[in-house]
Amino acid sequence: MQSWIIKHSEMVLTVLISLMICMTRSSMALGNLIYSLIILMTLVTCWYRRHEISVPQTIRQYGWAYIGMLLCVLPSALISNDIAVTTKYFFNIWVWKVLVIVPILLFIKSSPKLYAILSVFFVYMGIDALSAFAQYLLGYNLGPGGRAGGVIHGSMMGLAMLLTLAFPLALITAYDKAFPSYLRKSAVFSLFGMLLGMWGNQSRGSWLFNGINGILITFYCFVNIRYMLVLLVAVVGIGYAFSSQAYVARFESTFNISTDGSNLGRIYVWEADKQMIMDHPVTGVGPGLWQKTYREHYKLKQETQDLGHSHNNLLQIASESGILGLIGFLGFSFFIFCKSLIHYVKSRNPYDLSIMFGFISYLFLFGSIDYTWGNSSGIRMFWIVMGIMIQLKINENHKII
């Protein structure tokens, strides 16, 4: 058994992570089961290979930065009115969800296997987005406002945040010849699927943020006329698709803070967050206690949607873990971004570019209108993709970064 695990652990982990990507949104139970198998396989492999594991300096730096963030958040879990709830939530959101990156950084060293997982991610996102488009056309299982969530019973906001994460990464992959041909083709498939998925999902945030990212990333490859033609076709297609009066009206409502119910609900919650942070400035109300505290003490009468979280990563973290937790989160994010930016300036590699766009798009762009850090399926996908990009960067350099 030991020799078999040592020999095949990389392939087994590759398959399990690929399966989890395909299952975690459609079946939370099955996704959690596969995730548990990944962690179990990682622990067993760590034990059998404990004498040969070598962690590069760059991975240790990422690890220490993350631990620093945890130490900033931990006091809020230990100093609260309900330690049982806060410690459980702290472990689930801040520790358990990130563990999926460990097997990628420690045991999946093969670039072809990393490309395979990334290809699965792109193909899955294309299919998921197409399913949302099909739901929209058929009028099946639509949410408020006729919006589709994909994978039959998928979350509308869950799909929107993943579209905002995957779209810029697929653009970079399709544009950059450092990636193998089959991966770039899967990225192109994903892009067109996601364009249709944005039509069916109707998330104003994904429209806006992917539009901005698309323009910025295109400057990255402006020298290649073929890519410009692909973008032109995409722009024309999007313009045609969203030219109807209904879509024009929905896009215009993006900045409507006077009558749009969705926007007003967020504003009311953010007002409550402001007061909550002022009342609990250092360590917050405690991880996992936001909803209870909000409903009992801070909910405004005008807020009729009974929202369950802040719809903003920074405000949610500041409310639950105080300024100390927010400093830890921002410090970690700043370290990741600056490390990738410095290395990208030196080497112009697509991996650091993907890390920067991934962090900004998922945590700070869409994270400005929803709590993406606490979304179970979304944050797992995020860590998988970030882990792949970090490992591919290490493979490319064949040295400590």
Protein backbone atom coordinates (compact mmCIF):
# COMPACT_ATOMS: atom_id res chain seq x y z
CA MET A 1 0.00 0.00 0.00
CA GLN A 2 2.75 2.46 0.94
CA SER A 3 4.68 1.95 -2.29
CA TRP A 4 1.48 2.23 -4.36
CA ILE A 5 0.51 5.53 -2.70
CA ILE A 6 4.00 6.97 -3.14
CA LYS A 7 3.97 6.01 -6.81
CA HIS A 8 0.41 7.03 -7.72
CA SER A 9 -0.49 9.78 -5.24
CA GLU A 10 0.09 12.55 -7.77
CA MET A 11 -2.31 11.00 -10.28
CA VAL A 12 -4.90 10.16 -7.62
CA LEU A 13 -4.85 13.71 -6.29
CA THR A 14 -5.10 15.10 -9.82
CA VAL A 15 -8.20 12.99 -10.51
CA LEU A 16 -9.84 13.80 -7.16
CA ILE A 17 -9.30 17.55 -7.53
CA SER A 18 -10.67 17.43 -11.09
CA LEU A 19 -13.74 15.54 -9.86
CA MET A 20 -14.31 18.03 -7.08
CA ILE A 21 -14.24 20.91 -9.57
CA CYS A 22 -17.02 19.22 -11.52
CA MET A 23 -19.15 18.29 -8.50
CA THR A 24 -18.84 20.96 -5.84
CA ARG A 25 -21.48 23.33 -7.29
CA SER A 26 -24.04 20.75 -8.33
CA SER A 27 -23.85 18.60 -5.17
CA MET A 28 -22.44 20.08 -1.99
CA ALA A 29 -22.54 16.70 -0.24
CA LEU A 30 -20.62 14.91 -2.99
CA GLY A 31 -18.21 17.83 -3.29
CA ASN A 32 -17.50 17.66 0.45
CA LEU A 33 -16.98 13.90 0.25
CA ILE A 34 -14.43 14.25 -2.54
CA TYR A 35 -12.78 17.13 -0.69
CA SER A 36 -12.43 14.93 2.40
CA LEU A 37 -10.83 12.22 0.25
CA ILE A 38 -8.36 14.79 -1.09
CA ILE A 39 -7.38 15.84 2.42
CA LEU A 40 -7.12 12.19 3.55
CA MET A 41 -4.94 11.29 0.56
CA THR A 42 -2.78 14.34 1.24
CA LEU A 43 -2.28 13.38 4.89
CA VAL A 44 -1.41 9.79 4.03
CA THR A 45 1.02 10.90 1.34
CA CYS A 46 2.60 13.39 3.75
CA TRP A 47 3.19 10.59 6.24
CA TYR A 48 4.66 8.14 3.74
CA ARG A 49 6.85 10.79 2.12
CA ARG A 50 7.67 12.76 5.26
CA HIS A 51 11.41 12.25 4.86
CA GLU A 52 11.55 13.48 1.26
CA ILE A 53 9.17 16.45 1.24
CA SER A 54 10.98 19.62 0.24
CA VAL A 55 9.11 22.91 0.42
CA PRO A 56 10.56 25.69 -1.80
CA GLN A 57 11.26 29.04 -0.19
CA THR A 58 8.53 30.77 -2.18
CA ILE A 59 5.87 28.36 -0.87
CA ARG A 60 7.11 28.86 2.68
CA GLN A 61 6.75 32.60 2.18
CA TYR A 62 3.14 32.18 1.06
CA GLY A 63 2.53 29.90 4.02
CA TRP A 64 3.96 32.32 6.59
CA ALA A 65 1.94 35.17 5.07
CA TYR A 66 -1.24 33.12 5.42
CA ILE A 67 -0.38 32.13 9.01
CA GLY A 68 0.17 35.81 9.78
CA MET A 69 -3.35 36.52 8.54
CA LEU A 70 -4.75 33.68 10.65
CA LEU A 71 -3.07 35.06 13.77
CA CYS A 72 -4.76 38.40 13.13
CA VAL A 73 -8.19 36.77 12.78
CA LEU A 74 -7.85 34.18 15.58
CA PRO A 75 -8.44 36.61 18.51
CA SER A 76 -11.91 37.36 17.16
CA ALA A 77 -12.75 33.65 17.36
CA LEU A 78 -11.43 33.27 20.91
CA ILE A 79 -12.89 36.51 22.30
CA SER A 80 -16.60 36.33 21.53
CA ASN A 81 -19.98 35.68 23.08
CA ASP A 82 -20.19 32.20 21.55
CA ILE A 83 -16.76 30.58 21.25
CA ALA A 84 -18.22 27.27 20.03
CA VAL A 85 -19.71 28.98 16.97
CA THR A 86 -16.80 31.30 16.25
CA THR A 87 -14.05 28.67 16.52
CA LYS A 88 -15.97 26.27 14.27
CA TYR A 89 -16.60 29.00 11.71
CA PHE A 90 -12.98 30.16 11.91
CA PHE A 91 -11.74 26.65 11.18
CA ASN A 92 -14.23 26.10 8.37
CA ILE A 93 -13.69 29.38 6.49
CA TRP A 94 -10.11 30.29 7.31
CA VAL A 95 -8.44 26.87 7.60
CA TRP A 96 -10.46 24.02 6.08
CA LYS A 97 -11.30 25.69 2.77
CA VAL A 98 -7.69 26.61 1.95
CA LEU A 99 -6.31 23.10 2.52
CA VAL A 100 -7.08 22.13 -1.08
CA ILE A 101 -4.03 24.13 -2.14
CA VAL A 102 -1.68 21.95 -0.05
CA PRO A 103 -1.62 18.83 -2.28
CA ILE A 104 -1.12 21.02 -5.36
CA LEU A 105 1.89 22.79 -3.87
CA LEU A 106 3.44 19.72 -2.25
CA PHE A 107 2.70 16.73 -4.47
CA ILE A 108 1.39 17.71 -7.92
CA LYS A 109 4.63 18.83 -9.52
CA SER A 110 4.01 17.63 -13.07
CA SER A 111 3.12 20.50 -15.41
CA PRO A 112 0.99 18.26 -17.68
CA LYS A 113 -1.11 17.23 -14.67
CA LEU A 114 -1.47 20.84 -13.56
CA TYR A 115 -2.50 21.80 -17.10
CA ALA A 116 -5.02 18.94 -17.05
CA ILE A 117 -6.68 20.24 -13.87
CA LEU A 118 -6.76 23.76 -15.30
CA SER A 119 -8.28 22.42 -18.51
CA VAL A 120 -10.98 20.64 -16.49
CA PHE A 121 -11.70 23.93 -14.71
CA PHE A 122 -12.10 25.83 -17.99
CA VAL A 123 -14.23 23.14 -19.64
CA TYR A 124 -16.40 22.86 -16.54
CA MET A 125 -16.90 26.63 -16.40
CA GLY A 126 -17.85 26.66 -20.08
CA ILE A 127 -20.40 23.87 -19.58
CA ASP A 128 -21.73 25.38 -16.34
CA ALA A 129 -22.18 28.74 -18.07
CA LEU A 130 -23.86 27.13 -21.09
CA SER A 131 -26.26 25.33 -18.76
CA ALA A 132 -27.21 28.70 -17.29
CA PHE A 133 -27.83 30.03 -20.78
CA ALA A 134 -29.98 26.97 -21.59
CA GLN A 135 -31.94 27.44 -18.36
CA TYR A 136 -32.57 31.05 -19.31
CA LEU A 137 -33.80 30.16 -22.80
CA LEU A 138 -36.04 27.37 -21.51
CA GLY A 139 -37.27 29.35 -18.52
CA TYR A 140 -36.34 26.45 -16.24
CA ASN A 141 -35.63 26.92 -12.53
CA LEU A 142 -35.01 30.64 -12.83
CA GLY A 143 -34.44 32.87 -9.85
CA PRO A 144 -35.70 36.40 -9.15
CA GLY A 145 -35.67 38.57 -12.26
CA GLY A 146 -35.48 35.53 -14.54
CA ARG A 147 -31.83 34.84 -13.70
CA ALA A 148 -30.19 31.43 -14.12
CA GLY A 149 -27.64 29.83 -11.79
CA GLY A 150 -26.37 26.96 -13.95
CA VAL A 151 -25.90 23.24 -13.11
CA ILE A 152 -29.70 22.89 -12.74
CA HIS A 153 -29.91 24.12 -9.15
CA GLY A 154 -26.79 26.29 -8.96
CA SER A 155 -26.58 29.54 -7.06
CA MET A 156 -26.94 32.65 -9.22
CA MET A 157 -24.39 34.64 -7.23
CA GLY A 158 -22.15 31.58 -6.96
CA LEU A 159 -22.00 31.35 -10.75
CA ALA A 160 -21.51 35.10 -11.13
CA MET A 161 -18.46 35.19 -8.84
CA LEU A 162 -16.90 32.20 -10.63
CA LEU A 163 -17.51 33.85 -14.00
CA THR A 164 -15.65 36.90 -12.69
CA LEU A 165 -12.77 34.68 -11.56
CA ALA A 166 -12.57 32.41 -14.61
CA PHE A 167 -13.11 34.91 -17.43
CA PRO A 168 -9.84 36.88 -17.07
CA LEU A 169 -7.86 33.69 -16.41
CA ALA A 170 -9.29 32.10 -19.56
CA LEU A 171 -8.39 35.21 -21.55
CA ILE A 172 -4.79 35.12 -20.34
CA THR A 173 -4.54 31.39 -21.07
CA ALA A 174 -6.03 31.76 -24.55
CA TYR A 175 -3.69 34.63 -25.38
CA ASP A 176 -0.39 33.28 -24.04
CA LYS A 177 1.57 30.69 -26.02
CA ALA A 178 3.34 29.51 -22.87
CA PHE A 179 0.32 27.27 -22.32
CA PRO A 180 -0.14 24.07 -24.37
CA SER A 181 -2.49 24.13 -27.33
CA TYR A 182 -5.20 21.93 -25.83
CA LEU A 183 -5.37 24.11 -22.72
CA ARG A 184 -5.70 27.27 -24.79
CA LYS A 185 -8.49 25.65 -26.79
CA SER A 186 -10.30 24.72 -23.60
CA ALA A 187 -9.92 28.34 -22.48
CA VAL A 188 -11.44 29.58 -25.77
CA PHE A 189 -14.37 27.18 -25.34
CA SER A 190 -14.78 28.44 -21.79
CA LEU A 191 -14.74 32.07 -22.90
CA PHE A 192 -17.56 31.67 -25.38
CA GLY A 193 -19.52 29.54 -22.93
CA MET A 194 -19.07 32.18 -20.24
CA LEU A 195 -20.19 34.95 -22.60
CA LEU A 196 -23.47 33.09 -23.05
CA GLY A 197 -23.53 32.26 -19.36
CA MET A 198 -23.31 35.95 -18.49
CA TRP A 199 -26.32 36.45 -20.74
CA GLY A 200 -28.34 33.86 -18.81
CA ASN A 201 -26.99 34.74 -15.35
CA GLN A 202 -27.58 38.49 -15.80
CA SER A 203 -25.14 39.51 -13.10
CA ARG A 204 -24.39 43.18 -13.53
CA GLY A 205 -21.22 42.73 -11.51
CA SER A 206 -19.81 40.07 -13.82
CA TRP A 207 -20.72 42.19 -16.86
CA LEU A 208 -18.92 45.22 -15.48
CA PHE A 209 -15.86 43.51 -14.00
CA ASN A 210 -15.29 41.12 -16.92
CA GLY A 211 -15.64 44.03 -19.31
CA ILE A 212 -12.92 45.93 -17.46
CA ASN A 213 -10.69 42.86 -17.22
CA GLY A 214 -11.21 42.02 -20.88
CA ILE A 215 -9.99 45.44 -21.98
CA LEU A 216 -6.98 45.42 -19.64
CA ILE A 217 -5.87 41.90 -20.56
CA THR A 218 -6.21 42.61 -24.27
CA PHE A 219 -3.49 45.26 -23.94
CA TYR A 220 -1.32 42.39 -22.74
CA CYS A 221 -1.50 40.78 -26.19
CA PHE A 222 -2.26 43.76 -28.43
CA VAL A 223 0.57 42.88 -30.82
CA ASN A 224 -1.27 39.82 -32.15
CA ILE A 225 -3.95 40.79 -34.65
CA ARG A 226 -5.68 37.39 -34.40
CA TYR A 227 -6.48 37.96 -30.76
CA MET A 228 -7.77 41.41 -31.52
CA LEU A 229 -10.12 39.91 -34.10
CA VAL A 230 -11.32 37.33 -31.57
CA LEU A 231 -12.01 40.11 -29.08
CA LEU A 232 -13.79 42.16 -31.75
CA VAL A 233 -16.09 39.24 -32.56
CA ALA A 234 -16.76 38.76 -28.85
CA VAL A 235 -17.52 42.47 -28.36
CA VAL A 236 -19.90 42.51 -31.33
CA GLY A 237 -21.61 39.39 -30.01
CA ILE A 238 -21.98 40.83 -26.54
CA GLY A 239 -23.24 44.11 -27.92
CA TYR A 240 -25.88 42.33 -29.98
CA ALA A 241 -26.89 40.06 -27.12
CA PHE A 242 -27.30 42.88 -24.64
CA SER A 243 -28.86 45.40 -27.00
CA SER A 244 -32.43 44.55 -26.02
CA GLN A 245 -34.29 47.07 -23.89
CA ALA A 246 -34.47 44.67 -20.93
CA TYR A 247 -30.70 44.20 -20.81
CA VAL A 248 -30.01 47.88 -21.35
CA ALA A 249 -32.30 48.72 -18.46
CA ARG A 250 -30.67 46.12 -16.21
CA PHE A 251 -27.17 47.37 -17.00
CA GLU A 252 -28.21 50.96 -16.39
CA SER A 253 -29.54 49.90 -12.99
CA THR A 254 -25.99 48.91 -11.96
CA PHE A 255 -25.41 52.36 -10.50
CA ASN A 256 -28.99 53.08 -9.47
CA ILE A 257 -28.89 53.64 -5.70
CA SER A 258 -32.26 55.35 -5.40
CA THR A 259 -34.84 52.80 -6.60
CA ASP A 260 -33.05 49.51 -7.36
CA GLY A 261 -33.91 47.06 -4.55
CA SER A 262 -30.75 44.97 -4.83
CA ASN A 263 -28.47 47.99 -4.64
CA LEU A 264 -30.45 49.56 -1.81
CA GLY A 265 -30.32 46.32 0.19
CA ARG A 266 -26.53 46.34 0.02
CA ILE A 267 -26.34 50.00 0.99
CA TYR A 268 -28.55 49.40 4.04
CA VAL A 269 -26.41 46.44 5.09
CA TRP A 270 -23.21 48.44 4.63
CA GLU A 271 -24.65 51.19 6.83
CA ALA A 272 -25.32 48.56 9.49
CA ASP A 273 -21.78 47.23 9.02
CA LYS A 274 -20.38 50.68 9.67
CA GLN A 275 -22.14 50.86 13.03
CA MET A 276 -21.21 47.28 13.88
CA ILE A 277 -17.53 47.99 13.23
CA MET A 278 -17.67 51.17 15.31
CA ASP A 279 -19.18 49.23 18.22
CA HIS A 280 -16.69 46.33 17.92
CA PRO A 281 -13.59 47.91 16.36
CA VAL A 282 -10.72 45.65 17.44
CA THR A 283 -11.88 42.02 17.15
CA GLY A 284 -15.38 42.37 15.73
CA VAL A 285 -18.48 40.43 16.75
CA GLY A 286 -16.82 37.08 16.04
CA PRO A 287 -16.58 34.84 12.94
CA GLY A 288 -19.94 33.32 12.12
CA LEU A 289 -21.93 35.68 14.36
CA TRP A 290 -22.56 38.40 11.78
CA GLN A 291 -26.06 37.28 10.79
CA LYS A 292 -27.30 36.81 14.36
CA THR A 293 -25.81 40.11 15.53
CA TYR A 294 -27.12 41.97 12.49
CA ARG A 295 -30.69 40.72 12.84
CA GLU A 296 -30.84 41.33 16.59
CA HIS A 297 -29.18 44.74 16.83
CA TYR A 298 -28.29 46.42 13.53
CA LYS A 299 -30.85 45.61 10.84
CA LEU A 300 -32.43 48.74 9.42
CA LYS A 301 -36.20 48.88 8.92
CA GLN A 302 -35.69 49.79 5.27
CA GLU A 303 -33.81 46.53 4.63
CA THR A 304 -36.58 44.07 3.73
CA GLN A 305 -34.53 41.35 2.01
CA ASP A 306 -33.16 39.98 5.30
CA LEU A 307 -29.67 39.54 3.83
CA GLY A 308 -27.47 36.91 5.44
CA HIS A 309 -24.08 38.57 5.02
CA SER A 310 -22.45 41.88 4.17
CA HIS A 311 -22.16 41.36 0.40
CA ASN A 312 -18.64 42.74 0.74
CA ASN A 313 -15.51 40.85 1.77
CA LEU A 314 -13.80 43.74 3.54
CA LEU A 315 -16.88 44.80 5.52
CA GLN A 316 -17.75 41.21 6.43
CA ILE A 317 -14.24 40.53 7.72
CA ALA A 318 -14.04 43.87 9.54
CA SER A 319 -17.46 43.27 11.15
CA GLU A 320 -16.65 39.74 12.28
CA SER A 321 -12.92 40.03 13.04
CA GLY A 322 -12.44 43.73 13.59
CA ILE A 323 -9.75 46.03 12.28
CA LEU A 324 -7.15 43.48 13.39
CA GLY A 325 -8.62 40.80 11.12
CA LEU A 326 -9.01 43.27 8.26
CA ILE A 327 -5.34 44.27 8.57
CA GLY A 328 -4.37 40.59 8.37
CA PHE A 329 -6.52 40.02 5.27
CA LEU A 330 -5.27 43.12 3.49
CA GLY A 331 -1.67 42.40 4.47
CA PHE A 332 -1.85 38.89 3.06
CA SER A 333 -3.48 40.09 -0.16
CA PHE A 334 -0.94 42.91 -0.51
CA PHE A 335 1.93 40.44 -0.08
CA ILE A 336 0.55 38.07 -2.75
CA PHE A 337 -0.10 40.87 -5.22
CA CYS A 338 3.26 42.60 -4.75
CA LYS A 339 5.20 39.33 -4.92
CA SER A 340 3.52 38.44 -8.22
CA LEU A 341 3.84 41.98 -9.59
CA ILE A 342 7.57 42.12 -8.88
CA HIS A 343 8.18 38.75 -10.48
CA TYR A 344 5.93 39.55 -13.43
CA VAL A 345 7.86 42.74 -14.18
CA LYS A 346 11.05 40.67 -14.25
CA SER A 347 9.87 37.68 -16.28
CA ARG A 348 6.55 38.64 -18.00
CA ASN A 349 5.10 35.20 -17.26
CA PRO A 350 1.35 34.43 -17.52
CA TYR A 351 1.26 32.70 -14.13
CA ASP A 352 1.92 35.78 -12.01
CA LEU A 353 -0.41 37.75 -14.25
CA SER A 354 -3.13 35.17 -13.57
CA ILE A 355 -2.48 35.32 -9.83
CA MET A 356 -2.85 39.10 -9.81
CA PHE A 357 -6.02 39.14 -11.89
CA GLY A 358 -7.44 36.19 -9.95
CA PHE A 359 -6.91 37.84 -6.58
CA ILE A 360 -8.25 41.21 -7.66
CA SER A 361 -11.23 39.85 -9.60
CA TYR A 362 -12.47 37.33 -7.06
CA LEU A 363 -11.59 38.95 -3.73
CA PHE A 364 -11.79 42.67 -4.47
CA LEU A 365 -13.91 43.28 -7.58
CA PHE A 366 -16.74 40.82 -7.14
CA GLY A 367 -15.80 40.76 -3.47
CA SER A 368 -16.93 44.36 -3.30
CA ILE A 369 -20.55 43.34 -3.94
CA ASP A 370 -20.68 39.84 -2.42
CA TYR A 371 -19.00 37.77 0.29
CA THR A 372 -16.84 35.63 -2.00
CA TRP A 373 -14.37 34.69 0.76
CA GLY A 374 -17.10 32.70 2.51
CA ASN A 375 -18.60 31.01 -0.56
CA SER A 376 -17.79 27.31 -0.20
CA SER A 377 -17.55 26.24 -3.84
CA GLY A 378 -16.15 29.54 -5.06
CA ILE A 379 -13.28 29.79 -2.60
CA ARG A 380 -12.24 26.18 -3.26
CA MET A 381 -12.08 26.85 -7.00
CA PHE A 382 -10.14 30.01 -6.27
CA TRP A 383 -7.48 28.23 -4.20
CA ILE A 384 -7.18 25.41 -6.75
CA VAL A 385 -6.48 27.83 -9.60
CA MET A 386 -4.13 29.97 -7.51
CA GLY A 387 -2.21 26.86 -6.39
CA ILE A 388 -1.85 25.70 -9.99
CA MET A 389 -0.48 29.07 -11.10
CA ILE A 390 2.02 29.16 -8.22
CA GLN A 391 3.25 25.65 -8.98
CA LEU A 392 3.51 26.32 -12.72
CA LYS A 393 5.55 29.44 -11.93
CA ILE A 394 7.92 27.35 -9.81
CA ASN A 395 8.18 24.71 -12.54
CA GLU A 396 9.03 27.33 -15.13
CA ASN A 397 11.88 28.75 -13.11
CA HIS A 398 13.31 25.45 -11.83
CA LYS A 399 14.58 27.33 -8.82
CA ILE A 400 13.44 29.10 -5.65
CA ILE A 401 11.50 32.19 -6.57
